[in-house]
Each structure stands twice: as structure tokens, then as C-alpha cells.
Amino acid sequence: MIANCITISVAYSDLELRNLVEEFLVQQKSTFALKSVCSFILNWALEDGKVFFSDSKFEDYKLDNHDEQRVKCVLESIVRDGRIADLGDIYCKC
């Protein structure tokens, strides 16, 4: 049976997560969504073998809530640094 969507936790340290968010920001030209950052991180985690999930097949996946909150914390820190603006769940490079 194929699940429609599975949430996946990543095995990145806070520093590794911050570095991935920074890499994502380097690639952005203007606005971006939280979901885009999470997808970027999850794609790298799948490629790096840094994920925790069952062996089931899935059609779609998303970052689990705990790791999404970790990404939000990193983005909030970057907002406080004045490098991006928080427009809700959309961010804009300054």
C-alpha cells in the first residue's frame, strides 16, 4: 500500500540545518515560502541519507513539525539579522 504523504524527520545538527538554510538563501532571488525551504532541506536529507522514516513507499513527503519549527527558528534568526523580511510564511530577501 502506498501512503499519500509521509512526514520525515531529518538527522541534521542545528549547525548543519543552518548551513542548508543559508545555502538555500544564496540561491534565492526574491521571495520564497517556508515550504520551499523545508522541501530543499528534505531533498538534501534524502540524498545524504539523513532521514528517519519507515521503509514504506510514499507518493509525497514533508518535513515533520519539529524540524519545520527548527527551520523557522533559523529563519527568525536571519530575520533579526536584517538579511530577510518575514511576511508571514513568505520571506523576502532584503
N, C-alpha and C. Protein backbone atom coordinates (compact mmCIF):
# COMPACT_ATOMS: atom_id res chain seq x y z
N MET A 1 0.84 -1.18 0.00
CA MET A 1 0.00 0.00 0.00
C MET A 1 0.88 1.24 0.00
N ILE A 2 0.53 2.23 -0.80
CA ILE A 2 1.30 3.46 -0.90
C ILE A 2 0.61 4.55 -0.10
N ALA A 3 1.36 5.17 0.78
CA ALA A 3 0.82 6.27 1.58
C ALA A 3 0.77 7.53 0.72
N ASN A 4 -0.23 8.39 0.95
CA ASN A 4 -0.31 9.64 0.20
C ASN A 4 0.80 10.59 0.59
N CYS A 5 1.05 10.71 1.87
CA CYS A 5 2.08 11.64 2.34
C CYS A 5 2.66 11.09 3.63
N ILE A 6 3.94 11.25 3.79
CA ILE A 6 4.61 10.80 4.99
C ILE A 6 5.45 11.96 5.53
N THR A 7 5.45 12.14 6.84
CA THR A 7 6.31 13.16 7.43
C THR A 7 7.64 12.51 7.79
N ILE A 8 8.69 13.26 7.55
CA ILE A 8 10.03 12.72 7.74
C ILE A 8 10.83 13.66 8.63
N SER A 9 11.52 13.07 9.59
CA SER A 9 12.43 13.81 10.45
C SER A 9 13.84 13.69 9.89
N VAL A 10 14.59 14.77 10.00
CA VAL A 10 15.96 14.77 9.47
C VAL A 10 16.97 14.68 10.60
N ALA A 11 18.12 14.10 10.30
CA ALA A 11 19.17 13.89 11.30
C ALA A 11 20.29 14.92 11.14
N TYR A 12 19.92 16.17 10.94
CA TYR A 12 20.92 17.24 10.84
C TYR A 12 21.07 17.92 12.19
N SER A 13 22.30 18.26 12.52
CA SER A 13 22.53 19.08 13.71
C SER A 13 21.99 20.48 13.44
N ASP A 14 21.88 21.29 14.48
CA ASP A 14 21.42 22.67 14.29
C ASP A 14 22.34 23.44 13.34
N LEU A 15 23.65 23.22 13.45
CA LEU A 15 24.60 23.90 12.57
C LEU A 15 24.44 23.43 11.12
N GLU A 16 24.28 22.13 10.92
CA GLU A 16 24.08 21.61 9.56
C GLU A 16 22.78 22.17 8.96
N LEU A 17 21.74 22.24 9.78
CA LEU A 17 20.46 22.78 9.33
C LEU A 17 20.62 24.25 8.95
N ARG A 18 21.31 25.00 9.77
CA ARG A 18 21.56 26.43 9.49
C ARG A 18 22.33 26.57 8.17
N ASN A 19 23.33 25.74 7.96
CA ASN A 19 24.12 25.80 6.72
C ASN A 19 23.25 25.53 5.50
N LEU A 20 22.33 24.58 5.61
CA LEU A 20 21.44 24.28 4.49
C LEU A 20 20.49 25.45 4.22
N VAL A 21 19.97 26.07 5.27
CA VAL A 21 19.11 27.24 5.08
C VAL A 21 19.91 28.36 4.41
N GLU A 22 21.14 28.57 4.85
CA GLU A 22 22.00 29.59 4.24
C GLU A 22 22.24 29.29 2.77
N GLU A 23 22.47 28.02 2.44
CA GLU A 23 22.67 27.63 1.04
C GLU A 23 21.42 27.91 0.23
N PHE A 24 20.27 27.60 0.79
CA PHE A 24 19.00 27.90 0.11
C PHE A 24 18.89 29.39 -0.16
N LEU A 25 19.22 30.22 0.83
CA LEU A 25 19.10 31.67 0.66
C LEU A 25 20.00 32.20 -0.44
N VAL A 26 21.19 31.64 -0.56
CA VAL A 26 22.12 32.07 -1.61
C VAL A 26 21.49 31.87 -2.99
N GLN A 27 20.68 30.84 -3.15
CA GLN A 27 20.09 30.52 -4.44
C GLN A 27 18.83 31.32 -4.76
N GLN A 28 18.30 32.05 -3.77
CA GLN A 28 17.04 32.78 -3.97
C GLN A 28 17.28 34.18 -4.51
N LYS A 29 16.38 34.62 -5.38
CA LYS A 29 16.46 35.96 -5.96
C LYS A 29 15.58 36.95 -5.22
N SER A 30 14.40 36.51 -4.76
CA SER A 30 13.50 37.44 -4.09
C SER A 30 12.70 36.74 -3.01
N THR A 31 11.41 36.52 -3.21
CA THR A 31 10.58 35.92 -2.17
C THR A 31 10.61 34.40 -2.24
N PHE A 32 10.33 33.79 -1.09
CA PHE A 32 10.26 32.34 -1.02
C PHE A 32 9.37 31.96 0.15
N ALA A 33 8.86 30.75 0.12
CA ALA A 33 7.95 30.25 1.15
C ALA A 33 8.69 29.30 2.09
N LEU A 34 8.20 29.21 3.30
CA LEU A 34 8.74 28.27 4.28
C LEU A 34 8.73 26.86 3.70
N LYS A 35 7.66 26.51 3.00
CA LYS A 35 7.54 25.18 2.41
C LYS A 35 8.70 24.91 1.44
N SER A 36 9.14 25.91 0.71
CA SER A 36 10.25 25.75 -0.22
C SER A 36 11.55 25.43 0.50
N VAL A 37 11.78 26.12 1.62
CA VAL A 37 12.99 25.87 2.41
C VAL A 37 12.95 24.44 2.95
N CYS A 38 11.81 24.05 3.50
CA CYS A 38 11.66 22.70 4.06
C CYS A 38 11.86 21.63 2.99
N SER A 39 11.32 21.84 1.80
CA SER A 39 11.49 20.88 0.71
C SER A 39 12.96 20.78 0.30
N PHE A 40 13.65 21.90 0.24
CA PHE A 40 15.07 21.93 -0.08
C PHE A 40 15.86 21.08 0.92
N ILE A 41 15.59 21.30 2.20
CA ILE A 41 16.29 20.57 3.26
C ILE A 41 15.97 19.08 3.19
N LEU A 42 14.72 18.76 2.98
CA LEU A 42 14.31 17.36 2.91
C LEU A 42 14.94 16.66 1.71
N ASN A 43 15.00 17.33 0.59
CA ASN A 43 15.66 16.73 -0.59
C ASN A 43 17.12 16.42 -0.31
N TRP A 44 17.82 17.35 0.34
CA TRP A 44 19.23 17.10 0.70
C TRP A 44 19.33 15.95 1.69
N ALA A 45 18.44 15.92 2.67
CA ALA A 45 18.47 14.87 3.68
C ALA A 45 18.25 13.49 3.05
N LEU A 46 17.33 13.40 2.11
CA LEU A 46 17.10 12.14 1.41
C LEU A 46 18.34 11.73 0.63
N GLU A 47 18.96 12.69 -0.03
CA GLU A 47 20.18 12.40 -0.80
C GLU A 47 21.33 11.99 0.11
N ASP A 48 21.45 12.67 1.26
CA ASP A 48 22.55 12.41 2.20
C ASP A 48 22.30 11.21 3.11
N GLY A 49 21.10 10.62 3.05
CA GLY A 49 20.78 9.52 3.96
C GLY A 49 20.61 9.98 5.39
N LYS A 50 20.15 11.22 5.57
CA LYS A 50 19.98 11.81 6.90
C LYS A 50 18.51 11.91 7.28
N VAL A 51 17.75 10.85 7.03
CA VAL A 51 16.32 10.87 7.33
C VAL A 51 15.95 9.70 8.22
N PHE A 52 14.86 9.90 8.97
CA PHE A 52 14.27 8.84 9.78
C PHE A 52 12.86 8.62 9.26
N PHE A 53 12.58 7.49 8.66
CA PHE A 53 11.22 7.17 8.24
C PHE A 53 11.12 5.67 8.03
N SER A 54 9.88 5.21 7.98
CA SER A 54 9.66 3.78 7.79
C SER A 54 10.04 3.38 6.37
N ASP A 55 10.11 2.12 6.12
CA ASP A 55 10.50 1.60 4.82
C ASP A 55 9.35 1.59 3.82
N SER A 56 8.21 2.17 4.21
CA SER A 56 7.05 2.14 3.32
C SER A 56 7.26 3.03 2.10
N LYS A 57 6.54 2.68 1.04
CA LYS A 57 6.58 3.51 -0.17
C LYS A 57 5.69 4.71 0.06
N PHE A 58 6.03 5.82 -0.57
CA PHE A 58 5.22 7.01 -0.42
C PHE A 58 5.20 7.80 -1.71
N GLU A 59 4.14 8.54 -1.92
CA GLU A 59 4.00 9.38 -3.10
C GLU A 59 4.52 10.78 -2.83
N ASP A 60 4.37 11.24 -1.61
CA ASP A 60 4.74 12.59 -1.25
C ASP A 60 5.29 12.58 0.17
N TYR A 61 6.09 13.55 0.49
CA TYR A 61 6.66 13.62 1.82
C TYR A 61 6.82 15.08 2.22
N LYS A 62 6.89 15.28 3.53
CA LYS A 62 7.11 16.63 4.05
C LYS A 62 7.93 16.52 5.32
N LEU A 63 8.56 17.61 5.67
CA LEU A 63 9.36 17.69 6.88
C LEU A 63 8.43 17.62 8.09
N ASP A 64 8.83 16.88 9.12
CA ASP A 64 7.96 16.77 10.29
C ASP A 64 7.90 18.11 11.03
N ASN A 65 6.89 18.25 11.89
CA ASN A 65 6.63 19.53 12.56
C ASN A 65 7.81 20.01 13.40
N HIS A 66 8.46 19.12 14.10
CA HIS A 66 9.60 19.52 14.93
C HIS A 66 10.71 20.14 14.08
N ASP A 67 11.04 19.49 12.98
CA ASP A 67 12.11 20.01 12.13
C ASP A 67 11.67 21.28 11.39
N GLU A 68 10.39 21.37 11.06
CA GLU A 68 9.89 22.60 10.45
C GLU A 68 10.04 23.77 11.43
N GLN A 69 9.79 23.52 12.71
CA GLN A 69 9.97 24.57 13.73
C GLN A 69 11.45 24.96 13.85
N ARG A 70 12.33 23.98 13.71
CA ARG A 70 13.77 24.28 13.73
C ARG A 70 14.15 25.20 12.56
N VAL A 71 13.57 24.92 11.39
CA VAL A 71 13.83 25.77 10.21
C VAL A 71 13.29 27.18 10.47
N LYS A 72 12.09 27.28 11.05
CA LYS A 72 11.51 28.59 11.37
C LYS A 72 12.42 29.37 12.32
N CYS A 73 13.00 28.70 13.30
CA CYS A 73 13.90 29.37 14.24
C CYS A 73 15.13 29.92 13.53
N VAL A 74 15.67 29.16 12.60
CA VAL A 74 16.82 29.63 11.82
C VAL A 74 16.41 30.86 11.01
N LEU A 75 15.26 30.78 10.35
CA LEU A 75 14.79 31.91 9.56
C LEU A 75 14.54 33.14 10.43
N GLU A 76 13.98 32.95 11.62
CA GLU A 76 13.74 34.07 12.54
C GLU A 76 15.06 34.73 12.93
N SER A 77 16.09 33.94 13.13
CA SER A 77 17.40 34.48 13.45
C SER A 77 17.94 35.33 12.28
N ILE A 78 17.74 34.85 11.07
CA ILE A 78 18.19 35.58 9.89
C ILE A 78 17.36 36.85 9.69
N VAL A 79 16.07 36.80 10.04
CA VAL A 79 15.22 38.00 10.01
C VAL A 79 15.76 39.04 10.99
N ARG A 80 16.10 38.60 12.20
CA ARG A 80 16.64 39.52 13.20
C ARG A 80 17.96 40.16 12.74
N ASP A 81 18.73 39.41 11.94
CA ASP A 81 19.97 39.95 11.38
C ASP A 81 19.71 40.97 10.28
N GLY A 82 18.46 41.06 9.81
CA GLY A 82 18.09 42.02 8.78
C GLY A 82 18.39 41.56 7.36
N ARG A 83 18.67 40.30 7.17
CA ARG A 83 19.01 39.79 5.83
C ARG A 83 17.80 39.39 5.02
N ILE A 84 16.71 39.02 5.72
CA ILE A 84 15.45 38.71 5.05
C ILE A 84 14.33 39.35 5.86
N ALA A 85 13.18 39.54 5.20
CA ALA A 85 11.99 40.09 5.87
C ALA A 85 10.94 38.98 5.98
N ASP A 86 10.26 38.94 7.11
CA ASP A 86 9.20 37.96 7.37
C ASP A 86 7.87 38.58 6.98
N LEU A 87 7.22 37.98 5.98
CA LEU A 87 5.91 38.45 5.52
C LEU A 87 4.85 37.41 5.81
N GLY A 88 4.95 36.72 6.93
CA GLY A 88 4.07 35.60 7.26
C GLY A 88 4.85 34.33 7.00
N ASP A 89 4.28 33.41 6.21
CA ASP A 89 5.04 32.22 5.81
C ASP A 89 5.79 32.45 4.50
N ILE A 90 5.83 33.71 4.07
CA ILE A 90 6.61 34.11 2.90
C ILE A 90 7.73 35.02 3.41
N TYR A 91 8.90 34.84 2.83
CA TYR A 91 10.06 35.64 3.21
C TYR A 91 10.58 36.36 1.99
N CYS A 92 11.24 37.48 2.22
CA CYS A 92 11.77 38.29 1.13
C CYS A 92 13.21 38.66 1.44
N LYS A 93 14.09 38.49 0.46
CA LYS A 93 15.49 38.89 0.65
C LYS A 93 15.56 40.41 0.68
N CYS A 94 16.32 40.93 1.62
CA CYS A 94 16.47 42.39 1.74
C CYS A 94 17.61 42.89 0.87
